[in-house]
Amino acid sequence: MSFLDELYYSNINPNESRNRKKLPYEKSLKTFSDIESKLTKELNGENLKLFNDLVNASDEISATSGVENFKIGFRLGVMMMCDSLFSDSSILKD
């Protein structure tokens, strides 16, 4: 895994001691989990398999896009820093 993958998957965690607050994400996650549990109990056979396949595919899409968006954002930040460090600084001397 690359450094960015390691950082994304919390193998490198620079904000480990940060206090976590309730986020809208947590509310959505609970809603999703509750509905998933209800549907799992109600569905059976092929419908349950299709539902589980849908949930698994959605998880894979979210994970993949999350990693890629994290990398893009990180690279954009590095590009901004490089641009500010190596650009023409003559405006600062006036």
PDB file of N, CA and C in Angstrom:
ATOM      1  N   MET A   1       0.842  -1.196   0.000  1.00  0.00           N
ATOM      2  CA  MET A   1       0.000   0.000   0.000  1.00  0.00           C
ATOM      3  C   MET A   1       0.875   1.242   0.000  1.00  0.00           C
ATOM      4  N   SER A   2       0.380   2.276  -0.652  1.00  0.00           N
ATOM      5  CA  SER A   2       1.113   3.537  -0.677  1.00  0.00           C
ATOM      6  C   SER A   2       0.924   4.269   0.654  1.00  0.00           C
ATOM      7  N   PHE A   3       1.732   5.299   0.845  1.00  0.00           N
ATOM      8  CA  PHE A   3       1.612   6.117   2.047  1.00  0.00           C
ATOM      9  C   PHE A   3       0.206   6.685   2.186  1.00  0.00           C
ATOM     10  N   LEU A   4      -0.362   7.173   1.068  1.00  0.00           N
ATOM     11  CA  LEU A   4      -1.708   7.754   1.127  1.00  0.00           C
ATOM     12  C   LEU A   4      -2.752   6.704   1.481  1.00  0.00           C
ATOM     13  N   ASP A   5      -2.599   5.483   0.961  1.00  0.00           N
ATOM     14  CA  ASP A   5      -3.516   4.400   1.345  1.00  0.00           C
ATOM     15  C   ASP A   5      -3.409   4.130   2.846  1.00  0.00           C
ATOM     16  N   GLU A   6      -2.191   4.051   3.356  1.00  0.00           N
ATOM     17  CA  GLU A   6      -1.976   3.798   4.783  1.00  0.00           C
ATOM     18  C   GLU A   6      -2.617   4.888   5.631  1.00  0.00           C
ATOM     19  N   LEU A   7      -2.422   6.142   5.205  1.00  0.00           N
ATOM     20  CA  LEU A   7      -3.022   7.261   5.936  1.00  0.00           C
ATOM     21  C   LEU A   7      -4.535   7.196   5.886  1.00  0.00           C
ATOM     22  N   TYR A   8      -5.095   6.911   4.704  1.00  0.00           N
ATOM     23  CA  TYR A   8      -6.550   6.838   4.554  1.00  0.00           C
ATOM     24  C   TYR A   8      -7.152   5.743   5.427  1.00  0.00           C
ATOM     25  N   TYR A   9      -6.522   4.578   5.473  1.00  0.00           N
ATOM     26  CA  TYR A   9      -7.055   3.449   6.239  1.00  0.00           C
ATOM     27  C   TYR A   9      -6.684   3.508   7.719  1.00  0.00           C
ATOM     28  N   SER A  10      -6.237   4.658   8.174  1.00  0.00           N
ATOM     29  CA  SER A  10      -5.942   4.923   9.586  1.00  0.00           C
ATOM     30  C   SER A  10      -4.788   4.104  10.133  1.00  0.00           C
ATOM     31  N   ASN A  11      -3.943   3.592   9.268  1.00  0.00           N
ATOM     32  CA  ASN A  11      -2.730   2.953   9.751  1.00  0.00           C
ATOM     33  C   ASN A  11      -1.730   4.014  10.186  1.00  0.00           C
ATOM     34  N   ILE A  12      -1.901   5.218   9.674  1.00  0.00           N
ATOM     35  CA  ILE A  12      -1.180   6.407  10.107  1.00  0.00           C
ATOM     36  C   ILE A  12      -2.277   7.372  10.527  1.00  0.00           C
ATOM     37  N   ASN A  13      -2.355   7.678  11.790  1.00  0.00           N
ATOM     38  CA  ASN A  13      -3.485   8.466  12.272  1.00  0.00           C
ATOM     39  C   ASN A  13      -3.001   9.718  12.984  1.00  0.00           C
ATOM     40  N   PRO A  14      -2.848  10.832  12.257  1.00  0.00           N
ATOM     41  CA  PRO A  14      -2.325  12.057  12.867  1.00  0.00           C
ATOM     42  C   PRO A  14      -3.276  12.727  13.847  1.00  0.00           C
ATOM     43  N   ASN A  15      -4.530  12.369  13.829  1.00  0.00           N
ATOM     44  CA  ASN A  15      -5.493  13.036  14.716  1.00  0.00           C
ATOM     45  C   ASN A  15      -6.129  12.060  15.702  1.00  0.00           C
ATOM     46  N   GLU A  16      -5.347  11.123  16.182  1.00  0.00           N
ATOM     47  CA  GLU A  16      -5.857  10.075  17.058  1.00  0.00           C
ATOM     48  C   GLU A  16      -6.473  10.621  18.341  1.00  0.00           C
ATOM     49  N   SER A  17      -5.918  11.686  18.878  1.00  0.00           N
ATOM     50  CA  SER A  17      -6.399  12.199  20.159  1.00  0.00           C
ATOM     51  C   SER A  17      -7.525  13.213  20.030  1.00  0.00           C
ATOM     52  N   ARG A  18      -7.985  13.457  18.814  1.00  0.00           N
ATOM     53  CA  ARG A  18      -9.047  14.434  18.589  1.00  0.00           C
ATOM     54  C   ARG A  18     -10.347  13.968  19.242  1.00  0.00           C
ATOM     55  N   ASN A  19     -11.047  14.897  19.878  1.00  0.00           N
ATOM     56  CA  ASN A  19     -12.355  14.569  20.445  1.00  0.00           C
ATOM     57  C   ASN A  19     -13.356  14.421  19.321  1.00  0.00           C
ATOM     58  N   ARG A  20     -14.070  13.339  19.328  1.00  0.00           N
ATOM     59  CA  ARG A  20     -15.048  13.083  18.278  1.00  0.00           C
ATOM     60  C   ARG A  20     -16.414  13.595  18.728  1.00  0.00           C
ATOM     61  N   LYS A  21     -17.062  14.322  17.846  1.00  0.00           N
ATOM     62  CA  LYS A  21     -18.392  14.854  18.122  1.00  0.00           C
ATOM     63  C   LYS A  21     -19.398  14.111  17.259  1.00  0.00           C
ATOM     64  N   LYS A  22     -20.648  14.190  17.634  1.00  0.00           N
ATOM     65  CA  LYS A  22     -21.709  13.595  16.816  1.00  0.00           C
ATOM     66  C   LYS A  22     -21.746  14.297  15.471  1.00  0.00           C
ATOM     67  N   LEU A  23     -21.752  13.531  14.441  1.00  0.00           N
ATOM     68  CA  LEU A  23     -21.755  14.082  13.089  1.00  0.00           C
ATOM     69  C   LEU A  23     -22.993  13.612  12.345  1.00  0.00           C
ATOM     70  N   PRO A  24     -23.406  14.361  11.324  1.00  0.00           N
ATOM     71  CA  PRO A  24     -24.528  13.895  10.495  1.00  0.00           C
ATOM     72  C   PRO A  24     -24.257  12.508   9.920  1.00  0.00           C
ATOM     73  N   TYR A  25     -22.991  12.202   9.671  1.00  0.00           N
ATOM     74  CA  TYR A  25     -22.615  10.893   9.152  1.00  0.00           C
ATOM     75  C   TYR A  25     -23.081   9.779  10.089  1.00  0.00           C
ATOM     76  N   GLU A  26     -22.892   9.983  11.389  1.00  0.00           N
ATOM     77  CA  GLU A  26     -23.282   8.965  12.365  1.00  0.00           C
ATOM     78  C   GLU A  26     -24.786   8.739  12.357  1.00  0.00           C
ATOM     79  N   LYS A  27     -25.561   9.803  12.187  1.00  0.00           N
ATOM     80  CA  LYS A  27     -27.012   9.679  12.114  1.00  0.00           C
ATOM     81  C   LYS A  27     -27.413   8.888  10.871  1.00  0.00           C
ATOM     82  N   SER A  28     -26.795   9.221   9.742  1.00  0.00           N
ATOM     83  CA  SER A  28     -27.087   8.499   8.499  1.00  0.00           C
ATOM     84  C   SER A  28     -26.670   7.039   8.600  1.00  0.00           C
ATOM     85  N   LEU A  29     -25.545   6.783   9.227  1.00  0.00           N
ATOM     86  CA  LEU A  29     -25.070   5.411   9.392  1.00  0.00           C
ATOM     87  C   LEU A  29     -26.036   4.595  10.242  1.00  0.00           C
ATOM     88  N   LYS A  30     -26.567   5.191  11.301  1.00  0.00           N
ATOM     89  CA  LYS A  30     -27.532   4.491  12.141  1.00  0.00           C
ATOM     90  C   LYS A  30     -28.811   4.201  11.364  1.00  0.00           C
ATOM     91  N   THR A  31     -29.290   5.178  10.605  1.00  0.00           N
ATOM     92  CA  THR A  31     -30.485   4.978   9.780  1.00  0.00           C
ATOM     93  C   THR A  31     -30.267   3.845   8.799  1.00  0.00           C
ATOM     94  N   PHE A  32     -29.126   3.860   8.117  1.00  0.00           N
ATOM     95  CA  PHE A  32     -28.803   2.810   7.157  1.00  0.00           C
ATOM     96  C   PHE A  32     -28.775   1.449   7.841  1.00  0.00           C
ATOM     97  N   SER A  33     -28.112   1.380   8.977  1.00  0.00           N
ATOM     98  CA  SER A  33     -27.988   0.119   9.705  1.00  0.00           C
ATOM     99  C   SER A  33     -29.345  -0.407  10.160  1.00  0.00           C
ATOM    100  N   ASP A  34     -30.194   0.488  10.650  1.00  0.00           N
ATOM    101  CA  ASP A  34     -31.538   0.076  11.091  1.00  0.00           C
ATOM    102  C   ASP A  34     -32.364  -0.472   9.928  1.00  0.00           C
ATOM    103  N   ILE A  35     -32.336   0.225   8.798  1.00  0.00           N
ATOM    104  CA  ILE A  35     -33.105  -0.215   7.631  1.00  0.00           C
ATOM    105  C   ILE A  35     -32.539  -1.521   7.081  1.00  0.00           C
ATOM    106  N   GLU A  36     -31.217  -1.634   7.054  1.00  0.00           N
ATOM    107  CA  GLU A  36     -30.584  -2.864   6.578  1.00  0.00           C
ATOM    108  C   GLU A  36     -31.002  -4.055   7.448  1.00  0.00           C
ATOM    109  N   SER A  37     -31.049  -3.863   8.755  1.00  0.00           N
ATOM    110  CA  SER A  37     -31.467  -4.936   9.664  1.00  0.00           C
ATOM    111  C   SER A  37     -32.919  -5.346   9.418  1.00  0.00           C
ATOM    112  N   LYS A  38     -33.782  -4.358   9.241  1.00  0.00           N
ATOM    113  CA  LYS A  38     -35.202  -4.650   8.985  1.00  0.00           C
ATOM    114  C   LYS A  38     -35.384  -5.418   7.678  1.00  0.00           C
ATOM    115  N   LEU A  39     -34.702  -4.954   6.627  1.00  0.00           N
ATOM    116  CA  LEU A  39     -34.830  -5.628   5.337  1.00  0.00           C
ATOM    117  C   LEU A  39     -34.243  -7.041   5.375  1.00  0.00           C
ATOM    118  N   THR A  40     -33.142  -7.216   6.082  1.00  0.00           N
ATOM    119  CA  THR A  40     -32.532  -8.539   6.196  1.00  0.00           C
ATOM    120  C   THR A  40     -33.491  -9.523   6.863  1.00  0.00           C
ATOM    121  N   LYS A  41     -34.250  -9.048   7.825  1.00  0.00           N
ATOM    122  CA  LYS A  41     -35.230  -9.911   8.496  1.00  0.00           C
ATOM    123  C   LYS A  41     -36.431 -10.213   7.606  1.00  0.00           C
ATOM    124  N   GLU A  42     -36.821  -9.241   6.768  1.00  0.00           N
ATOM    125  CA  GLU A  42     -38.013  -9.387   5.934  1.00  0.00           C
ATOM    126  C   GLU A  42     -37.775 -10.172   4.647  1.00  0.00           C
ATOM    127  N   LEU A  43     -36.582 -10.053   4.094  1.00  0.00           N
ATOM    128  CA  LEU A  43     -36.291 -10.695   2.810  1.00  0.00           C
ATOM    129  C   LEU A  43     -35.767 -12.109   3.013  1.00  0.00           C
ATOM    130  N   ASN A  44     -35.925 -12.922   1.980  1.00  0.00           N
ATOM    131  CA  ASN A  44     -35.355 -14.265   2.031  1.00  0.00           C
ATOM    132  C   ASN A  44     -35.032 -14.730   0.621  1.00  0.00           C
ATOM    133  N   GLY A  45     -34.274 -15.800   0.541  1.00  0.00           N
ATOM    134  CA  GLY A  45     -33.954 -16.397  -0.746  1.00  0.00           C
ATOM    135  C   GLY A  45     -33.207 -15.460  -1.669  1.00  0.00           C
ATOM    136  N   GLU A  46     -33.630 -15.446  -2.931  1.00  0.00           N
ATOM    137  CA  GLU A  46     -32.960 -14.652  -3.961  1.00  0.00           C
ATOM    138  C   GLU A  46     -33.033 -13.155  -3.674  1.00  0.00           C
ATOM    139  N   ASN A  47     -34.159 -12.695  -3.098  1.00  0.00           N
ATOM    140  CA  ASN A  47     -34.291 -11.268  -2.780  1.00  0.00           C
ATOM    141  C   ASN A  47     -33.278 -10.838  -1.722  1.00  0.00           C
ATOM    142  N   LEU A  48     -33.038 -11.689  -0.722  1.00  0.00           N
ATOM    143  CA  LEU A  48     -32.049 -11.380   0.302  1.00  0.00           C
ATOM    144  C   LEU A  48     -30.648 -11.358  -0.306  1.00  0.00           C
ATOM    145  N   LYS A  49     -30.369 -12.305  -1.189  1.00  0.00           N
ATOM    146  CA  LYS A  49     -29.065 -12.341  -1.853  1.00  0.00           C
ATOM    147  C   LYS A  49     -28.866 -11.084  -2.696  1.00  0.00           C
ATOM    148  N   LEU A  50     -29.875 -10.680  -3.442  1.00  0.00           N
ATOM    149  CA  LEU A  50     -29.778  -9.464  -4.250  1.00  0.00           C
ATOM    150  C   LEU A  50     -29.550  -8.227  -3.382  1.00  0.00           C
ATOM    151  N   PHE A  51     -30.273  -8.166  -2.275  1.00  0.00           N
ATOM    152  CA  PHE A  51     -30.110  -7.035  -1.365  1.00  0.00           C
ATOM    153  C   PHE A  51     -28.688  -7.003  -0.808  1.00  0.00           C
ATOM    154  N   ASN A  52     -28.176  -8.154  -0.374  1.00  0.00           N
ATOM    155  CA  ASN A  52     -26.810  -8.208   0.159  1.00  0.00           C
ATOM    156  C   ASN A  52     -25.778  -7.848  -0.905  1.00  0.00           C
ATOM    157  N   ASP A  53     -26.003  -8.301  -2.132  1.00  0.00           N
ATOM    158  CA  ASP A  53     -25.108  -7.933  -3.234  1.00  0.00           C
ATOM    159  C   ASP A  53     -25.129  -6.424  -3.472  1.00  0.00           C
ATOM    160  N   LEU A  54     -26.307  -5.825  -3.389  1.00  0.00           N
ATOM    161  CA  LEU A  54     -26.446  -4.378  -3.559  1.00  0.00           C
ATOM    162  C   LEU A  54     -25.682  -3.628  -2.462  1.00  0.00           C
ATOM    163  N   VAL A  55     -25.859  -4.046  -1.225  1.00  0.00           N
ATOM    164  CA  VAL A  55     -25.176  -3.399  -0.104  1.00  0.00           C
ATOM    165  C   VAL A  55     -23.659  -3.539  -0.259  1.00  0.00           C
ATOM    166  N   ASN A  56     -23.195  -4.737  -0.629  1.00  0.00           N
ATOM    167  CA  ASN A  56     -21.758  -4.954  -0.801  1.00  0.00           C
ATOM    168  C   ASN A  56     -21.189  -4.111  -1.934  1.00  0.00           C
ATOM    169  N   ALA A  57     -21.916  -4.010  -3.042  1.00  0.00           N
ATOM    170  CA  ALA A  57     -21.468  -3.184  -4.164  1.00  0.00           C
ATOM    171  C   ALA A  57     -21.423  -1.711  -3.758  1.00  0.00           C
ATOM    172  N   SER A  58     -22.421  -1.264  -3.013  1.00  0.00           N
ATOM    173  CA  SER A  58     -22.451   0.113  -2.543  1.00  0.00           C
ATOM    174  C   SER A  58     -21.269   0.394  -1.612  1.00  0.00           C
ATOM    175  N   ASP A  59     -20.964  -0.553  -0.731  1.00  0.00           N
ATOM    176  CA  ASP A  59     -19.803  -0.406   0.156  1.00  0.00           C
ATOM    177  C   ASP A  59     -18.515  -0.281  -0.639  1.00  0.00           C
ATOM    178  N   GLU A  60     -18.372  -1.105  -1.673  1.00  0.00           N
ATOM    179  CA  GLU A  60     -17.159  -1.079  -2.498  1.00  0.00           C
ATOM    180  C   GLU A  60     -17.040   0.250  -3.247  1.00  0.00           C
ATOM    181  N   ILE A  61     -18.149   0.748  -3.771  1.00  0.00           N
ATOM    182  CA  ILE A  61     -18.144   2.042  -4.459  1.00  0.00           C
ATOM    183  C   ILE A  61     -17.740   3.149  -3.494  1.00  0.00           C
ATOM    184  N   SER A  62     -18.326   3.147  -2.309  1.00  0.00           N
ATOM    185  CA  SER A  62     -18.008   4.178  -1.312  1.00  0.00           C
ATOM    186  C   SER A  62     -16.548   4.128  -0.898  1.00  0.00           C
ATOM    187  N   ALA A  63     -16.048   2.927  -0.646  1.00  0.00           N
ATOM    188  CA  ALA A  63     -14.660   2.786  -0.222  1.00  0.00           C
ATOM    189  C   ALA A  63     -13.704   3.247  -1.315  1.00  0.00           C
ATOM    190  N   THR A  64     -13.953   2.817  -2.528  1.00  0.00           N
ATOM    191  CA  THR A  64     -13.077   3.168  -3.639  1.00  0.00           C
ATOM    192  C   THR A  64     -13.096   4.667  -3.912  1.00  0.00           C
ATOM    193  N   SER A  65     -14.278   5.254  -3.952  1.00  0.00           N
ATOM    194  CA  SER A  65     -14.358   6.689  -4.227  1.00  0.00           C
ATOM    195  C   SER A  65     -13.802   7.495  -3.055  1.00  0.00           C
ATOM    196  N   GLY A  66     -13.971   7.003  -1.841  1.00  0.00           N
ATOM    197  CA  GLY A  66     -13.408   7.695  -0.684  1.00  0.00           C
ATOM    198  C   GLY A  66     -11.897   7.768  -0.744  1.00  0.00           C
ATOM    199  N   VAL A  67     -11.257   6.647  -1.065  1.00  0.00           N
ATOM    200  CA  VAL A  67      -9.796   6.620  -1.176  1.00  0.00           C
ATOM    201  C   VAL A  67      -9.331   7.551  -2.294  1.00  0.00           C
ATOM    202  N   GLU A  68      -9.980   7.465  -3.446  1.00  0.00           N
ATOM    203  CA  GLU A  68      -9.562   8.289  -4.582  1.00  0.00           C
ATOM    204  C   GLU A  68      -9.765   9.779  -4.302  1.00  0.00           C
ATOM    205  N   ASN A  69     -10.882  10.145  -3.692  1.00  0.00           N
ATOM    206  CA  ASN A  69     -11.122  11.552  -3.358  1.00  0.00           C
ATOM    207  C   ASN A  69     -10.119  12.061  -2.331  1.00  0.00           C
ATOM    208  N   PHE A  70      -9.766  11.212  -1.374  1.00  0.00           N
ATOM    209  CA  PHE A  70      -8.759  11.574  -0.380  1.00  0.00           C
ATOM    210  C   PHE A  70      -7.423  11.846  -1.058  1.00  0.00           C
ATOM    211  N   LYS A  71      -7.021  10.958  -1.964  1.00  0.00           N
ATOM    212  CA  LYS A  71      -5.749  11.131  -2.677  1.00  0.00           C
ATOM    213  C   LYS A  71      -5.755  12.404  -3.516  1.00  0.00           C
ATOM    214  N   ILE A  72      -6.847  12.653  -4.222  1.00  0.00           N
ATOM    215  CA  ILE A  72      -6.953  13.859  -5.051  1.00  0.00           C
ATOM    216  C   ILE A  72      -6.826  15.110  -4.184  1.00  0.00           C
ATOM    217  N   GLY A  73      -7.554  15.138  -3.076  1.00  0.00           N
ATOM    218  CA  GLY A  73      -7.489  16.291  -2.181  1.00  0.00           C
ATOM    219  C   GLY A  73      -6.101  16.492  -1.602  1.00  0.00           C
ATOM    220  N   PHE A  74      -5.467  15.404  -1.220  1.00  0.00           N
ATOM    221  CA  PHE A  74      -4.127  15.490  -0.662  1.00  0.00           C
ATOM    222  C   PHE A  74      -3.150  16.020  -1.711  1.00  0.00           C
ATOM    223  N   ARG A  75      -3.235  15.481  -2.922  1.00  0.00           N
ATOM    224  CA  ARG A  75      -2.340  15.927  -3.997  1.00  0.00           C
ATOM    225  C   ARG A  75      -2.582  17.392  -4.349  1.00  0.00           C
ATOM    226  N   LEU A  76      -3.836  17.818  -4.365  1.00  0.00           N
ATOM    227  CA  LEU A  76      -4.125  19.230  -4.635  1.00  0.00           C
ATOM    228  C   LEU A  76      -3.505  20.117  -3.558  1.00  0.00           C
ATOM    229  N   GLY A  77      -3.573  19.680  -2.318  1.00  0.00           N
ATOM    230  CA  GLY A  77      -2.956  20.445  -1.228  1.00  0.00           C
ATOM    231  C   GLY A  77      -1.452  20.555  -1.393  1.00  0.00           C
ATOM    232  N   VAL A  78      -0.818  19.451  -1.779  1.00  0.00           N
ATOM    233  CA  VAL A  78       0.629  19.471  -2.011  1.00  0.00           C
ATOM    234  C   VAL A  78       0.960  20.393  -3.177  1.00  0.00           C
ATOM    235  N   MET A  79       0.155  20.344  -4.243  1.00  0.00           N
ATOM    236  CA  MET A  79       0.393  21.213  -5.396  1.00  0.00           C
ATOM    237  C   MET A  79       0.265  22.687  -5.004  1.00  0.00           C
ATOM    238  N   MET A  80      -0.709  23.016  -4.142  1.00  0.00           N
ATOM    239  CA  MET A  80      -0.857  24.398  -3.685  1.00  0.00           C
ATOM    240  C   MET A  80       0.367  24.822  -2.877  1.00  0.00           C
ATOM    241  N   MET A  81       0.858  23.930  -2.005  1.00  0.00           N
ATOM    242  CA  MET A  81       2.043  24.262  -1.215  1.00  0.00           C
ATOM    243  C   MET A  81       3.256  24.459  -2.113  1.00  0.00           C
ATOM    244  N   CYS A  82       3.446  23.562  -3.070  1.00  0.00           N
ATOM    245  CA  CYS A  82       4.577  23.683  -3.994  1.00  0.00           C
ATOM    246  C   CYS A  82       4.485  24.975  -4.790  1.00  0.00           C
ATOM    247  N   ASP A  83       3.298  25.307  -5.260  1.00  0.00           N
ATOM    248  CA  ASP A  83       3.116  26.523  -6.030  1.00  0.00           C
ATOM    249  C   ASP A  83       3.461  27.752  -5.193  1.00  0.00           C
ATOM    250  N   SER A  84       3.040  27.742  -3.948  1.00  0.00           N
ATOM    251  CA  SER A  84       3.322  28.907  -3.104  1.00  0.00           C
ATOM    252  C   SER A  84       4.794  28.983  -2.725  1.00  0.00           C
ATOM    253  N   LEU A  85       5.465  27.850  -2.623  1.00  0.00           N
ATOM    254  CA  LEU A  85       6.880  27.865  -2.268  1.00  0.00           C
ATOM    255  C   LEU A  85       7.790  28.203  -3.442  1.00  0.00           C
ATOM    256  N   PHE A  86       7.415  27.739  -4.626  1.00  0.00           N
ATOM    257  CA  PHE A  86       8.311  27.871  -5.766  1.00  0.00           C
ATOM    258  C   PHE A  86       7.857  28.908  -6.803  1.00  0.00           C
ATOM    259  N   SER A  87       6.808  29.634  -6.504  1.00  0.00           N
ATOM    260  CA  SER A  87       6.342  30.637  -7.455  1.00  0.00           C
ATOM    261  C   SER A  87       7.154  31.922  -7.262  1.00  0.00           C
ATOM    262  N   ASP A  88       6.913  32.876  -8.118  1.00  0.00           N
ATOM    263  CA  ASP A  88       7.608  34.153  -8.067  1.00  0.00           C
ATOM    264  C   ASP A  88       7.235  34.871  -6.779  1.00  0.00           C
ATOM    265  N   SER A  89       8.206  35.064  -5.919  1.00  0.00           N
ATOM    266  CA  SER A  89       7.941  35.709  -4.636  1.00  0.00           C
ATOM    267  C   SER A  89       8.315  37.187  -4.641  1.00  0.00           C
ATOM    268  N   SER A  90       8.494  37.733  -5.835  1.00  0.00           N
ATOM    269  CA  SER A  90       8.891  39.143  -5.908  1.00  0.00           C
ATOM    270  C   SER A  90       7.821  40.078  -5.330  1.00  0.00           C
ATOM    271  N   ILE A  91       6.561  39.631  -5.336  1.00  0.00           N
ATOM    272  CA  ILE A  91       5.488  40.489  -4.794  1.00  0.00           C
ATOM    273  C   ILE A  91       5.653  40.684  -3.289  1.00  0.00           C
ATOM    274  N   LEU A  92       6.357  39.775  -2.649  1.00  0.00           N
ATOM    275  CA  LEU A  92       6.571  39.905  -1.205  1.00  0.00           C
ATOM    276  C   LEU A  92       7.688  40.885  -0.867  1.00  0.00           C
ATOM    277  N   LYS A  93       8.522  41.195  -1.835  1.00  0.00           N
ATOM    278  CA  LYS A  93       9.689  42.065  -1.587  1.00  0.00           C
ATOM    279  C   LYS A  93       9.379  43.527  -1.795  1.00  0.00           C
ATOM    280  N   ASP A  94       8.271  43.844  -2.415  1.00  0.00           N
ATOM    281  CA  ASP A  94       7.928  45.242  -2.688  1.00  0.00           C
ATOM    282  C   ASP A  94       7.393  45.958  -1.472  1.00  0.00           C
TER     283      ASP A  94
END
